[in-house]
Amino acid sequence: MIGFYNYTVVFTYLSVVSACMSVYFAFGGNIKWAILGIVISGLCDMLDGPVARTKKDRSETEKKFGIQLDSLSDVIAFGVAPACVIYNIAVHCSSSGVGVLKVIAAVAGIALLICAIIRLAFFNVSEEERQSIDGNKLRDSYRGLPVTNVSLIFAIASLSSYFIEGNAFVITMIVVTALTAFFYVLDFKMVKLHGKMLIVIGGFGFVALLGVLFSPLAGF
């Protein structure tokens, strides 16, 4: 069979599964679990790199395969899934008869998806160039906002549901989505976290996950 099958890709595939479940829940009106699906995808994506690097005998082809696989997974988890979620937030959380919010949410979601694709394509090209120069050295920064961050951004933004609801909540999420799309493609330097800082971010993400789990958003 084509492809590479070992433990280094498990978290990447789990991220895709979680993202697909997020889309399923979103269109079913279960906004809480739709957002949780994106958060879980983010946690999986945070783990797949460190796990892959534990396999010391990876060939160059395996490494390139991993980069491409990760980016294709990220399109679904941090492009398609958030786009579906923001649209369904407008559908299921806005006041009846406010169709304009659905249109705006759809536009914001499409913009997020397109910017995510641009960001990931640019990363793939720059990462191949960097590895040809630096080899296996870990990068110390990114250009633009890595798409994985939308999982934490959506989780934190959704906590506003504890204080606002209806159209106010929908507008808040649309604005957050639009800003996230903009920062995907904005050319600025963002430090990449390693080691213990990843544990801190992971812990923060887990706390945000719990916050979403017990939020008043529609869900079970």
N, C-alpha and C. Protein backbone atom coordinates (compact mmCIF):
# COMPACT_ATOMS: atom_id res chain seq x y z
N MET A 1 0.85 -1.19 0.00
CA MET A 1 0.00 0.00 0.00
C MET A 1 0.89 1.25 0.00
N ILE A 2 0.40 2.30 -0.66
CA ILE A 2 1.17 3.54 -0.68
C ILE A 2 1.09 4.24 0.67
N GLY A 3 2.05 5.10 0.94
CA GLY A 3 2.06 5.82 2.22
C GLY A 3 3.00 5.15 3.21
N PHE A 4 3.05 5.75 4.41
CA PHE A 4 3.88 5.21 5.49
C PHE A 4 2.99 4.99 6.71
N TYR A 5 3.13 3.81 7.32
CA TYR A 5 2.24 3.43 8.40
C TYR A 5 3.06 3.08 9.64
N ASN A 6 3.09 4.01 10.58
CA ASN A 6 3.77 3.76 11.85
C ASN A 6 3.18 4.72 12.89
N TYR A 7 3.66 4.64 14.09
CA TYR A 7 3.07 5.40 15.19
C TYR A 7 3.21 6.91 15.04
N THR A 8 4.10 7.36 14.15
CA THR A 8 4.35 8.80 14.04
C THR A 8 3.17 9.56 13.43
N VAL A 9 2.24 8.87 12.78
CA VAL A 9 1.12 9.56 12.12
C VAL A 9 -0.20 9.38 12.86
N VAL A 10 -0.19 8.68 13.98
CA VAL A 10 -1.43 8.38 14.70
C VAL A 10 -2.15 9.65 15.12
N PHE A 11 -1.43 10.59 15.73
CA PHE A 11 -2.09 11.81 16.21
C PHE A 11 -2.59 12.68 15.06
N THR A 12 -1.93 12.61 13.91
CA THR A 12 -2.41 13.35 12.74
C THR A 12 -3.76 12.82 12.31
N TYR A 13 -3.91 11.50 12.26
CA TYR A 13 -5.18 10.91 11.86
C TYR A 13 -6.26 11.14 12.92
N LEU A 14 -5.88 11.13 14.19
CA LEU A 14 -6.84 11.42 15.25
C LEU A 14 -7.35 12.86 15.12
N SER A 15 -6.48 13.76 14.72
CA SER A 15 -6.87 15.15 14.50
C SER A 15 -7.93 15.25 13.41
N VAL A 16 -7.74 14.48 12.32
CA VAL A 16 -8.72 14.49 11.23
C VAL A 16 -10.06 13.92 11.70
N VAL A 17 -10.01 12.82 12.44
CA VAL A 17 -11.24 12.22 12.95
C VAL A 17 -12.00 13.21 13.83
N SER A 18 -11.28 13.87 14.73
CA SER A 18 -11.90 14.84 15.62
C SER A 18 -12.51 16.00 14.84
N ALA A 19 -11.81 16.45 13.79
CA ALA A 19 -12.32 17.55 12.97
C ALA A 19 -13.58 17.15 12.22
N CYS A 20 -13.59 15.92 11.71
CA CYS A 20 -14.79 15.43 11.01
C CYS A 20 -15.98 15.35 11.96
N MET A 21 -15.72 14.91 13.17
CA MET A 21 -16.80 14.87 14.17
C MET A 21 -17.26 16.28 14.50
N SER A 22 -16.34 17.24 14.50
CA SER A 22 -16.69 18.65 14.74
C SER A 22 -17.68 19.13 13.68
N VAL A 23 -17.40 18.82 12.41
CA VAL A 23 -18.31 19.21 11.32
C VAL A 23 -19.67 18.54 11.50
N TYR A 24 -19.66 17.26 11.84
CA TYR A 24 -20.91 16.52 12.06
C TYR A 24 -21.74 17.17 13.17
N PHE A 25 -21.10 17.47 14.29
CA PHE A 25 -21.82 18.09 15.40
C PHE A 25 -22.31 19.49 15.05
N ALA A 26 -21.50 20.24 14.30
CA ALA A 26 -21.88 21.61 13.93
C ALA A 26 -23.19 21.64 13.15
N PHE A 27 -23.28 20.79 12.13
CA PHE A 27 -24.50 20.78 11.32
C PHE A 27 -25.67 20.14 12.04
N GLY A 28 -25.40 19.45 13.14
CA GLY A 28 -26.47 18.92 13.97
C GLY A 28 -26.91 19.89 15.05
N GLY A 29 -26.30 21.09 15.08
CA GLY A 29 -26.67 22.09 16.07
C GLY A 29 -26.02 21.91 17.42
N ASN A 30 -25.09 20.96 17.52
CA ASN A 30 -24.39 20.71 18.79
C ASN A 30 -23.10 21.53 18.80
N ILE A 31 -23.26 22.82 19.06
CA ILE A 31 -22.14 23.76 18.95
C ILE A 31 -21.03 23.47 19.96
N LYS A 32 -21.42 23.09 21.15
CA LYS A 32 -20.44 22.81 22.20
C LYS A 32 -19.46 21.73 21.75
N TRP A 33 -19.98 20.61 21.28
CA TRP A 33 -19.10 19.51 20.89
C TRP A 33 -18.41 19.78 19.56
N ALA A 34 -18.99 20.64 18.75
CA ALA A 34 -18.31 21.04 17.52
C ALA A 34 -17.03 21.80 17.84
N ILE A 35 -17.11 22.71 18.80
CA ILE A 35 -15.92 23.47 19.21
C ILE A 35 -14.94 22.56 19.94
N LEU A 36 -15.45 21.67 20.76
CA LEU A 36 -14.57 20.72 21.46
C LEU A 36 -13.79 19.86 20.47
N GLY A 37 -14.42 19.52 19.36
CA GLY A 37 -13.74 18.72 18.34
C GLY A 37 -12.53 19.45 17.78
N ILE A 38 -12.67 20.77 17.56
CA ILE A 38 -11.55 21.57 17.07
C ILE A 38 -10.45 21.66 18.12
N VAL A 39 -10.84 21.81 19.38
CA VAL A 39 -9.86 21.89 20.47
C VAL A 39 -9.06 20.58 20.55
N ILE A 40 -9.76 19.46 20.46
CA ILE A 40 -9.08 18.15 20.52
C ILE A 40 -8.13 17.99 19.33
N SER A 41 -8.55 18.47 18.16
CA SER A 41 -7.66 18.45 16.99
C SER A 41 -6.40 19.24 17.27
N GLY A 42 -6.55 20.39 17.93
CA GLY A 42 -5.41 21.21 18.27
C GLY A 42 -4.44 20.51 19.21
N LEU A 43 -4.99 19.81 20.19
CA LEU A 43 -4.15 19.07 21.14
C LEU A 43 -3.42 17.93 20.42
N CYS A 44 -4.10 17.25 19.49
CA CYS A 44 -3.46 16.18 18.72
C CYS A 44 -2.34 16.74 17.85
N ASP A 45 -2.59 17.89 17.23
CA ASP A 45 -1.58 18.50 16.36
C ASP A 45 -0.35 18.92 17.17
N MET A 46 -0.57 19.34 18.40
CA MET A 46 0.54 19.74 19.24
C MET A 46 1.44 18.55 19.57
N LEU A 47 0.85 17.35 19.60
CA LEU A 47 1.61 16.15 19.98
C LEU A 47 2.27 15.45 18.80
N ASP A 48 1.72 15.64 17.57
CA ASP A 48 2.22 14.81 16.47
C ASP A 48 3.67 15.09 16.11
N GLY A 49 4.10 16.35 16.21
CA GLY A 49 5.49 16.68 15.90
C GLY A 49 6.48 16.04 16.86
N PRO A 50 6.33 16.27 18.19
CA PRO A 50 7.23 15.64 19.15
C PRO A 50 7.24 14.11 19.05
N VAL A 51 6.08 13.51 18.80
CA VAL A 51 6.01 12.06 18.67
C VAL A 51 6.78 11.60 17.44
N ALA A 52 6.59 12.31 16.31
CA ALA A 52 7.28 11.92 15.07
C ALA A 52 8.80 12.00 15.23
N ARG A 53 9.26 12.99 15.97
CA ARG A 53 10.72 13.16 16.13
C ARG A 53 11.36 12.10 17.01
N THR A 54 10.55 11.31 17.71
CA THR A 54 11.12 10.22 18.52
C THR A 54 11.60 9.07 17.63
N LYS A 55 11.12 9.02 16.40
CA LYS A 55 11.56 7.96 15.47
C LYS A 55 12.79 8.47 14.72
N LYS A 56 13.93 8.02 15.13
CA LYS A 56 15.20 8.55 14.64
C LYS A 56 15.59 8.04 13.27
N ASP A 57 14.98 6.95 12.83
CA ASP A 57 15.40 6.36 11.56
C ASP A 57 14.48 6.73 10.40
N ARG A 58 13.75 7.85 10.51
CA ARG A 58 12.88 8.27 9.41
C ARG A 58 13.71 8.70 8.21
N SER A 59 13.31 8.25 7.03
CA SER A 59 13.99 8.67 5.81
C SER A 59 13.54 10.07 5.43
N GLU A 60 14.24 10.69 4.49
CA GLU A 60 13.85 12.02 4.02
C GLU A 60 12.46 11.99 3.39
N THR A 61 12.14 10.89 2.71
CA THR A 61 10.82 10.75 2.10
C THR A 61 9.74 10.69 3.18
N GLU A 62 10.02 9.96 4.26
CA GLU A 62 9.06 9.89 5.37
C GLU A 62 8.84 11.26 6.00
N LYS A 63 9.91 12.03 6.15
CA LYS A 63 9.78 13.36 6.75
C LYS A 63 8.93 14.28 5.86
N LYS A 64 9.19 14.22 4.54
CA LYS A 64 8.41 15.05 3.61
C LYS A 64 6.96 14.60 3.57
N PHE A 65 6.75 13.29 3.65
CA PHE A 65 5.39 12.75 3.71
C PHE A 65 4.67 13.29 4.95
N GLY A 66 5.40 13.30 6.06
CA GLY A 66 4.81 13.80 7.31
C GLY A 66 4.41 15.25 7.21
N ILE A 67 5.24 16.07 6.58
CA ILE A 67 4.92 17.50 6.41
C ILE A 67 3.66 17.68 5.58
N GLN A 68 3.58 16.95 4.46
CA GLN A 68 2.42 17.07 3.58
C GLN A 68 1.16 16.54 4.27
N LEU A 69 1.29 15.41 4.95
CA LEU A 69 0.15 14.81 5.64
C LEU A 69 -0.37 15.74 6.73
N ASP A 70 0.55 16.34 7.46
CA ASP A 70 0.17 17.25 8.53
C ASP A 70 -0.59 18.45 7.98
N SER A 71 -0.11 19.00 6.88
CA SER A 71 -0.76 20.17 6.30
C SER A 71 -2.14 19.84 5.75
N LEU A 72 -2.27 18.69 5.10
CA LEU A 72 -3.58 18.28 4.59
C LEU A 72 -4.56 18.07 5.73
N SER A 73 -4.07 17.50 6.81
CA SER A 73 -4.89 17.33 8.00
C SER A 73 -5.31 18.68 8.57
N ASP A 74 -4.36 19.62 8.59
CA ASP A 74 -4.64 20.94 9.15
C ASP A 74 -5.68 21.71 8.34
N VAL A 75 -5.73 21.48 7.02
CA VAL A 75 -6.77 22.12 6.21
C VAL A 75 -8.16 21.73 6.71
N ILE A 76 -8.31 20.46 7.05
CA ILE A 76 -9.61 19.97 7.53
C ILE A 76 -9.88 20.46 8.95
N ALA A 77 -8.87 20.29 9.83
CA ALA A 77 -9.07 20.58 11.25
C ALA A 77 -9.16 22.06 11.56
N PHE A 78 -8.35 22.88 10.86
CA PHE A 78 -8.26 24.30 11.22
C PHE A 78 -8.67 25.24 10.10
N GLY A 79 -9.27 24.65 9.05
CA GLY A 79 -9.83 25.45 7.97
C GLY A 79 -11.29 25.09 7.75
N VAL A 80 -11.53 23.85 7.33
CA VAL A 80 -12.89 23.39 7.04
C VAL A 80 -13.76 23.35 8.29
N ALA A 81 -13.27 22.71 9.35
CA ALA A 81 -14.08 22.57 10.57
C ALA A 81 -14.47 23.91 11.18
N PRO A 82 -13.52 24.85 11.40
CA PRO A 82 -13.93 26.15 11.94
C PRO A 82 -14.89 26.91 11.03
N ALA A 83 -14.72 26.77 9.70
CA ALA A 83 -15.63 27.43 8.76
C ALA A 83 -17.05 26.90 8.93
N CYS A 84 -17.17 25.59 9.09
CA CYS A 84 -18.49 24.98 9.30
C CYS A 84 -19.07 25.38 10.65
N VAL A 85 -18.21 25.45 11.66
CA VAL A 85 -18.67 25.80 13.01
C VAL A 85 -19.19 27.23 13.07
N ILE A 86 -18.44 28.18 12.49
CA ILE A 86 -18.89 29.58 12.59
C ILE A 86 -20.21 29.78 11.85
N TYR A 87 -20.38 29.10 10.71
CA TYR A 87 -21.65 29.21 9.99
C TYR A 87 -22.80 28.66 10.83
N ASN A 88 -22.58 27.51 11.46
CA ASN A 88 -23.65 26.90 12.25
C ASN A 88 -23.90 27.61 13.57
N ILE A 89 -22.90 28.33 14.06
CA ILE A 89 -23.14 29.20 15.22
C ILE A 89 -24.16 30.26 14.83
N ALA A 90 -24.01 30.83 13.62
CA ALA A 90 -24.96 31.84 13.15
C ALA A 90 -26.34 31.22 12.92
N VAL A 91 -26.37 29.99 12.42
CA VAL A 91 -27.64 29.32 12.15
C VAL A 91 -28.39 28.98 13.43
N HIS A 92 -27.67 28.47 14.42
CA HIS A 92 -28.32 27.92 15.60
C HIS A 92 -28.33 28.85 16.82
N CYS A 93 -27.51 29.90 16.80
CA CYS A 93 -27.43 30.77 17.99
C CYS A 93 -28.00 32.17 17.78
N SER A 94 -28.20 32.59 16.53
CA SER A 94 -28.72 33.93 16.29
C SER A 94 -30.24 33.96 16.44
N SER A 95 -30.77 35.15 16.62
CA SER A 95 -32.22 35.31 16.73
C SER A 95 -32.86 34.95 15.40
N SER A 96 -34.06 34.41 15.46
CA SER A 96 -34.76 34.01 14.24
C SER A 96 -35.00 35.22 13.34
N GLY A 97 -34.83 35.02 12.06
CA GLY A 97 -35.08 36.09 11.11
C GLY A 97 -33.87 36.94 10.80
N VAL A 98 -32.74 36.70 11.47
CA VAL A 98 -31.54 37.50 11.22
C VAL A 98 -30.67 36.75 10.21
N GLY A 99 -31.13 36.72 8.97
CA GLY A 99 -30.43 35.96 7.95
C GLY A 99 -29.11 36.56 7.55
N VAL A 100 -28.96 37.88 7.75
CA VAL A 100 -27.72 38.54 7.34
C VAL A 100 -26.52 38.01 8.12
N LEU A 101 -26.72 37.62 9.36
CA LEU A 101 -25.61 37.08 10.15
C LEU A 101 -25.13 35.74 9.59
N LYS A 102 -26.04 34.98 9.03
CA LYS A 102 -25.65 33.70 8.42
C LYS A 102 -24.77 33.95 7.20
N VAL A 103 -25.13 34.96 6.42
CA VAL A 103 -24.34 35.29 5.23
C VAL A 103 -22.96 35.77 5.63
N ILE A 104 -22.91 36.66 6.62
CA ILE A 104 -21.63 37.20 7.08
C ILE A 104 -20.77 36.09 7.67
N ALA A 105 -21.40 35.18 8.43
CA ALA A 105 -20.67 34.06 9.02
C ALA A 105 -20.12 33.15 7.93
N ALA A 106 -20.90 32.92 6.89
CA ALA A 106 -20.43 32.09 5.78
C ALA A 106 -19.24 32.72 5.09
N VAL A 107 -19.28 34.04 4.88
CA VAL A 107 -18.17 34.76 4.25
C VAL A 107 -16.92 34.67 5.13
N ALA A 108 -17.11 34.89 6.45
CA ALA A 108 -15.98 34.82 7.38
C ALA A 108 -15.37 33.42 7.40
N GLY A 109 -16.23 32.40 7.35
CA GLY A 109 -15.74 31.02 7.35
C GLY A 109 -14.97 30.68 6.09
N ILE A 110 -15.48 31.14 4.95
CA ILE A 110 -14.78 30.90 3.68
C ILE A 110 -13.43 31.63 3.68
N ALA A 111 -13.43 32.86 4.19
CA ALA A 111 -12.18 33.62 4.27
C ALA A 111 -11.15 32.90 5.14
N LEU A 112 -11.62 32.35 6.26
CA LEU A 112 -10.73 31.61 7.16
C LEU A 112 -10.14 30.40 6.44
N LEU A 113 -10.97 29.67 5.70
CA LEU A 113 -10.51 28.49 4.99
C LEU A 113 -9.48 28.85 3.92
N ILE A 114 -9.76 29.88 3.14
CA ILE A 114 -8.83 30.29 2.08
C ILE A 114 -7.50 30.75 2.68
N CYS A 115 -7.57 31.55 3.74
CA CYS A 115 -6.33 32.03 4.39
C CYS A 115 -5.55 30.88 5.01
N ALA A 116 -6.26 29.87 5.52
CA ALA A 116 -5.59 28.70 6.08
C ALA A 116 -4.83 27.94 4.99
N ILE A 117 -5.45 27.79 3.82
CA ILE A 117 -4.80 27.11 2.71
C ILE A 117 -3.55 27.87 2.26
N ILE A 118 -3.68 29.20 2.16
CA ILE A 118 -2.54 30.03 1.78
C ILE A 118 -1.41 29.88 2.79
N ARG A 119 -1.77 29.96 4.06
CA ARG A 119 -0.78 29.87 5.15
C ARG A 119 -0.06 28.53 5.12
N LEU A 120 -0.80 27.45 4.92
CA LEU A 120 -0.20 26.12 4.94
C LEU A 120 0.67 25.87 3.71
N ALA A 121 0.23 26.35 2.55
CA ALA A 121 1.04 26.20 1.34
C ALA A 121 2.36 26.95 1.49
N PHE A 122 2.28 28.17 2.05
CA PHE A 122 3.49 28.96 2.26
C PHE A 122 4.41 28.26 3.26
N PHE A 123 3.83 27.68 4.31
CA PHE A 123 4.64 26.98 5.31
C PHE A 123 5.36 25.80 4.69
N ASN A 124 4.66 25.02 3.86
CA ASN A 124 5.28 23.85 3.24
C ASN A 124 6.49 24.23 2.41
N VAL A 125 6.33 25.28 1.61
CA VAL A 125 7.44 25.73 0.77
C VAL A 125 8.61 26.22 1.62
N SER A 126 8.33 27.07 2.59
CA SER A 126 9.39 27.64 3.42
C SER A 126 10.04 26.58 4.30
N GLU A 127 9.26 25.57 4.74
CA GLU A 127 9.82 24.52 5.60
C GLU A 127 10.78 23.63 4.81
N GLU A 128 10.44 23.32 3.58
CA GLU A 128 11.36 22.52 2.74
C GLU A 128 12.66 23.28 2.50
N GLU A 129 12.54 24.58 2.23
CA GLU A 129 13.73 25.40 2.02
C GLU A 129 14.57 25.47 3.28
N ARG A 130 13.90 25.62 4.44
CA ARG A 130 14.62 25.73 5.71
C ARG A 130 15.34 24.43 6.03
N GLN A 131 14.68 23.30 5.81
CA GLN A 131 15.29 22.02 6.13
C GLN A 131 16.47 21.71 5.21
N SER A 132 16.42 22.21 3.99
CA SER A 132 17.55 21.98 3.08
C SER A 132 18.79 22.74 3.54
N ILE A 133 18.57 23.79 4.36
CA ILE A 133 19.69 24.59 4.87
C ILE A 133 20.07 24.18 6.29
N ASP A 134 19.05 24.04 7.15
CA ASP A 134 19.30 23.78 8.58
C ASP A 134 19.24 22.31 8.96
N GLY A 135 18.80 21.47 8.06
CA GLY A 135 18.70 20.05 8.38
C GLY A 135 17.60 19.78 9.38
N ASN A 136 17.92 19.00 10.42
CA ASN A 136 16.91 18.62 11.42
C ASN A 136 16.77 19.63 12.56
N LYS A 137 17.45 20.74 12.45
CA LYS A 137 17.34 21.76 13.49
C LYS A 137 15.91 22.27 13.60
N LEU A 138 15.38 22.37 14.83
CA LEU A 138 14.02 22.85 15.03
C LEU A 138 13.94 24.34 14.71
N ARG A 139 12.84 24.72 14.05
CA ARG A 139 12.68 26.15 13.76
C ARG A 139 12.36 26.89 15.05
N ASP A 140 12.77 28.16 15.14
CA ASP A 140 12.55 28.93 16.37
C ASP A 140 11.43 29.96 16.22
N SER A 141 10.88 30.09 15.01
CA SER A 141 9.81 31.06 14.82
C SER A 141 8.99 30.71 13.57
N TYR A 142 7.82 31.32 13.49
CA TYR A 142 6.96 31.20 12.32
C TYR A 142 6.73 32.58 11.72
N ARG A 143 6.34 32.59 10.45
CA ARG A 143 5.86 33.82 9.83
C ARG A 143 4.35 33.70 9.71
N GLY A 144 3.65 34.59 10.38
CA GLY A 144 2.20 34.49 10.40
C GLY A 144 1.72 33.59 11.52
N LEU A 145 0.42 33.60 11.75
CA LEU A 145 -0.18 32.81 12.82
C LEU A 145 -0.37 31.36 12.38
N PRO A 146 0.26 30.40 13.04
CA PRO A 146 0.05 28.99 12.69
C PRO A 146 -1.44 28.63 12.82
N VAL A 147 -1.95 27.87 11.88
CA VAL A 147 -3.39 27.61 11.83
C VAL A 147 -3.89 26.85 13.05
N THR A 148 -3.02 26.10 13.70
CA THR A 148 -3.42 25.33 14.88
C THR A 148 -4.01 26.22 15.96
N ASN A 149 -3.57 27.48 16.00
CA ASN A 149 -4.01 28.39 17.05
C ASN A 149 -5.50 28.66 17.04
N VAL A 150 -6.17 28.39 15.93
CA VAL A 150 -7.61 28.65 15.89
C VAL A 150 -8.34 27.78 16.90
N SER A 151 -7.79 26.61 17.23
CA SER A 151 -8.44 25.73 18.20
C SER A 151 -8.52 26.41 19.57
N LEU A 152 -7.43 27.04 19.99
CA LEU A 152 -7.42 27.73 21.27
C LEU A 152 -8.20 29.04 21.19
N ILE A 153 -8.09 29.72 20.07
CA ILE A 153 -8.80 30.99 19.88
C ILE A 153 -10.31 30.78 19.93
N PHE A 154 -10.80 29.76 19.21
CA PHE A 154 -12.24 29.47 19.22
C PHE A 154 -12.71 29.07 20.61
N ALA A 155 -11.89 28.27 21.30
CA ALA A 155 -12.27 27.82 22.64
C ALA A 155 -12.41 29.01 23.58
N ILE A 156 -11.42 29.89 23.57
CA ILE A 156 -11.46 31.07 24.46
C ILE A 156 -12.61 32.00 24.09
N ALA A 157 -12.77 32.24 22.77
CA ALA A 157 -13.85 33.14 22.33
C ALA A 157 -15.23 32.58 22.70
N SER A 158 -15.37 31.27 22.62
CA SER A 158 -16.67 30.66 22.93
C SER A 158 -17.04 30.77 24.40
N LEU A 159 -16.03 31.02 25.25
CA LEU A 159 -16.31 31.20 26.68
C LEU A 159 -17.12 32.47 26.94
N SER A 160 -17.18 33.35 25.94
CA SER A 160 -18.02 34.55 26.07
C SER A 160 -19.49 34.18 26.20
N SER A 161 -19.83 32.91 25.85
CA SER A 161 -21.22 32.46 25.96
C SER A 161 -21.69 32.43 27.42
N TYR A 162 -20.73 32.48 28.36
CA TYR A 162 -21.10 32.56 29.78
C TYR A 162 -21.71 33.93 30.10
N PHE A 163 -21.42 34.94 29.27
CA PHE A 163 -21.82 36.31 29.58
C PHE A 163 -22.76 36.92 28.56
N ILE A 164 -22.70 36.46 27.30
CA ILE A 164 -23.56 36.99 26.25
C ILE A 164 -24.19 35.84 25.49
N GLU A 165 -25.27 36.13 24.79
CA GLU A 165 -25.94 35.08 24.01
C GLU A 165 -26.58 35.70 22.77
N GLY A 166 -27.20 34.85 21.98
CA GLY A 166 -27.91 35.34 20.81
C GLY A 166 -27.01 36.02 19.81
N ASN A 167 -27.51 37.11 19.24
CA ASN A 167 -26.78 37.81 18.18
C ASN A 167 -25.44 38.36 18.66
N ALA A 168 -25.38 38.79 19.93
CA ALA A 168 -24.14 39.34 20.47
C ALA A 168 -23.04 38.28 20.45
N PHE A 169 -23.40 37.05 20.81
CA PHE A 169 -22.42 35.95 20.80
C PHE A 169 -22.01 35.62 19.37
N VAL A 170 -22.98 35.58 18.47
CA VAL A 170 -22.68 35.26 17.06
C VAL A 170 -21.74 36.31 16.46
N ILE A 171 -22.02 37.58 16.70
CA ILE A 171 -21.17 38.66 16.17
C ILE A 171 -19.76 38.56 16.74
N THR A 172 -19.66 38.26 18.03
CA THR A 172 -18.34 38.09 18.65
C THR A 172 -17.53 37.00 17.95
N MET A 173 -18.18 35.87 17.69
CA MET A 173 -17.48 34.75 17.05
C MET A 173 -17.12 35.07 15.60
N ILE A 174 -17.97 35.82 14.92
CA ILE A 174 -17.67 36.21 13.53
C ILE A 174 -16.45 37.13 13.49
N VAL A 175 -16.41 38.09 14.40
CA VAL A 175 -15.27 39.02 14.45
C VAL A 175 -13.98 38.25 14.76
N VAL A 176 -14.05 37.33 15.70
CA VAL A 176 -12.88 36.51 16.05
C VAL A 176 -12.43 35.69 14.84
N THR A 177 -13.38 35.13 14.11
CA THR A 177 -13.05 34.34 12.92
C THR A 177 -12.36 35.20 11.86
N ALA A 178 -12.90 36.38 11.61
CA ALA A 178 -12.32 37.28 10.60
C ALA A 178 -10.91 37.71 10.98
N LEU A 179 -10.71 38.03 12.26
CA LEU A 179 -9.38 38.45 12.72
C LEU A 179 -8.38 37.29 12.62
N THR A 180 -8.84 36.09 12.95
CA THR A 180 -7.96 34.92 12.86
C THR A 180 -7.52 34.69 11.41
N ALA A 181 -8.47 34.82 10.49
CA ALA A 181 -8.14 34.67 9.07
C ALA A 181 -7.09 35.69 8.65
N PHE A 182 -7.25 36.92 9.11
CA PHE A 182 -6.29 37.99 8.77
C PHE A 182 -4.90 37.67 9.30
N PHE A 183 -4.82 37.20 10.54
CA PHE A 183 -3.51 36.91 11.14
C PHE A 183 -2.88 35.65 10.56
N TYR A 184 -3.68 34.77 9.94
CA TYR A 184 -3.09 33.63 9.23
C TYR A 184 -2.10 34.10 8.17
N VAL A 185 -2.46 35.17 7.47
CA VAL A 185 -1.67 35.60 6.31
C VAL A 185 -0.87 36.88 6.57
N LEU A 186 -1.02 37.47 7.75
CA LEU A 186 -0.24 38.65 8.08
C LEU A 186 1.21 38.26 8.29
N ASP A 187 2.12 38.98 7.68
CA ASP A 187 3.54 38.62 7.75
C ASP A 187 4.17 39.23 9.01
N PHE A 188 4.18 38.48 10.08
CA PHE A 188 4.84 38.88 11.32
C PHE A 188 5.54 37.67 11.90
N LYS A 189 6.49 37.91 12.76
CA LYS A 189 7.27 36.83 13.35
C LYS A 189 6.62 36.37 14.65
N MET A 190 6.39 35.06 14.75
CA MET A 190 5.81 34.49 15.96
C MET A 190 6.74 33.40 16.48
N VAL A 191 7.15 33.52 17.72
CA VAL A 191 8.08 32.57 18.32
C VAL A 191 7.42 31.20 18.44
N LYS A 192 8.16 30.15 18.09
CA LYS A 192 7.68 28.79 18.26
C LYS A 192 8.07 28.28 19.64
N LEU A 193 7.11 27.71 20.33
CA LEU A 193 7.36 27.22 21.68
C LEU A 193 7.86 25.78 21.65
N HIS A 194 8.75 25.46 22.57
CA HIS A 194 9.30 24.12 22.66
C HIS A 194 9.28 23.64 24.11
N GLY A 195 9.46 22.35 24.28
CA GLY A 195 9.68 21.78 25.61
C GLY A 195 8.59 22.08 26.62
N LYS A 196 9.01 22.65 27.75
CA LYS A 196 8.10 22.89 28.87
C LYS A 196 6.99 23.86 28.51
N MET A 197 7.28 24.80 27.60
CA MET A 197 6.26 25.77 27.22
C MET A 197 5.10 25.08 26.49
N LEU A 198 5.39 24.00 25.77
CA LEU A 198 4.33 23.24 25.12
C LEU A 198 3.41 22.60 26.16
N ILE A 199 4.01 22.15 27.25
CA ILE A 199 3.22 21.57 28.34
C ILE A 199 2.29 22.62 28.93
N VAL A 200 2.82 23.83 29.10
CA VAL A 200 2.01 24.93 29.63
C VAL A 200 0.84 25.25 28.70
N ILE A 201 1.13 25.35 27.40
CA ILE A 201 0.07 25.64 26.42
C ILE A 201 -0.94 24.50 26.38
N GLY A 202 -0.43 23.26 26.45
CA GLY A 202 -1.32 22.11 26.47
C GLY A 202 -2.24 22.13 27.68
N GLY A 203 -1.69 22.50 28.83
CA GLY A 203 -2.50 22.61 30.04
C GLY A 203 -3.53 23.71 29.92
N PHE A 204 -3.13 24.82 29.31
CA PHE A 204 -4.06 25.94 29.09
C PHE A 204 -5.18 25.50 28.15
N GLY A 205 -4.81 24.74 27.11
CA GLY A 205 -5.80 24.24 26.18
C GLY A 205 -6.78 23.29 26.85
N PHE A 206 -6.27 22.47 27.78
CA PHE A 206 -7.14 21.53 28.50
C PHE A 206 -8.13 22.28 29.39
N VAL A 207 -7.66 23.35 30.02
CA VAL A 207 -8.54 24.17 30.86
C VAL A 207 -9.63 24.82 30.00
N ALA A 208 -9.21 25.32 28.80
CA ALA A 208 -10.18 25.92 27.88
C ALA A 208 -11.19 24.87 27.43
N LEU A 209 -10.73 23.64 27.21
CA LEU A 209 -11.61 22.56 26.82
C LEU A 209 -12.67 22.32 27.90
N LEU A 210 -12.25 22.32 29.15
CA LEU A 210 -13.20 22.14 30.25
C LEU A 210 -14.18 23.31 30.31
N GLY A 211 -13.68 24.51 30.05
CA GLY A 211 -14.55 25.68 30.04
C GLY A 211 -15.64 25.56 28.99
N VAL A 212 -15.27 25.07 27.81
CA VAL A 212 -16.26 24.88 26.74
C VAL A 212 -17.23 23.77 27.12
N LEU A 213 -16.70 22.70 27.71
CA LEU A 213 -17.53 21.55 28.08
C LEU A 213 -18.67 21.93 29.01
N PHE A 214 -18.40 22.85 29.95
CA PHE A 214 -19.42 23.24 30.93
C PHE A 214 -20.10 24.57 30.56
N SER A 215 -19.88 25.04 29.36
CA SER A 215 -20.47 26.30 28.92
C SER A 215 -21.96 26.11 28.61
N PRO A 216 -22.71 27.21 28.52
CA PRO A 216 -24.14 27.11 28.20
C PRO A 216 -24.45 26.93 26.73
N LEU A 217 -23.42 26.67 25.91
CA LEU A 217 -23.65 26.45 24.48
C LEU A 217 -24.52 25.20 24.26
N ALA A 218 -25.21 25.19 23.12
CA ALA A 218 -26.05 24.05 22.78
C ALA A 218 -25.20 22.80 22.68
N GLY A 219 -25.63 21.72 23.32
CA GLY A 219 -24.89 20.48 23.31
C GLY A 219 -25.53 19.48 24.25
N PHE A 220 -24.84 18.37 24.42
CA PHE A 220 -25.38 17.36 25.36
C PHE A 220 -24.31 16.99 26.36
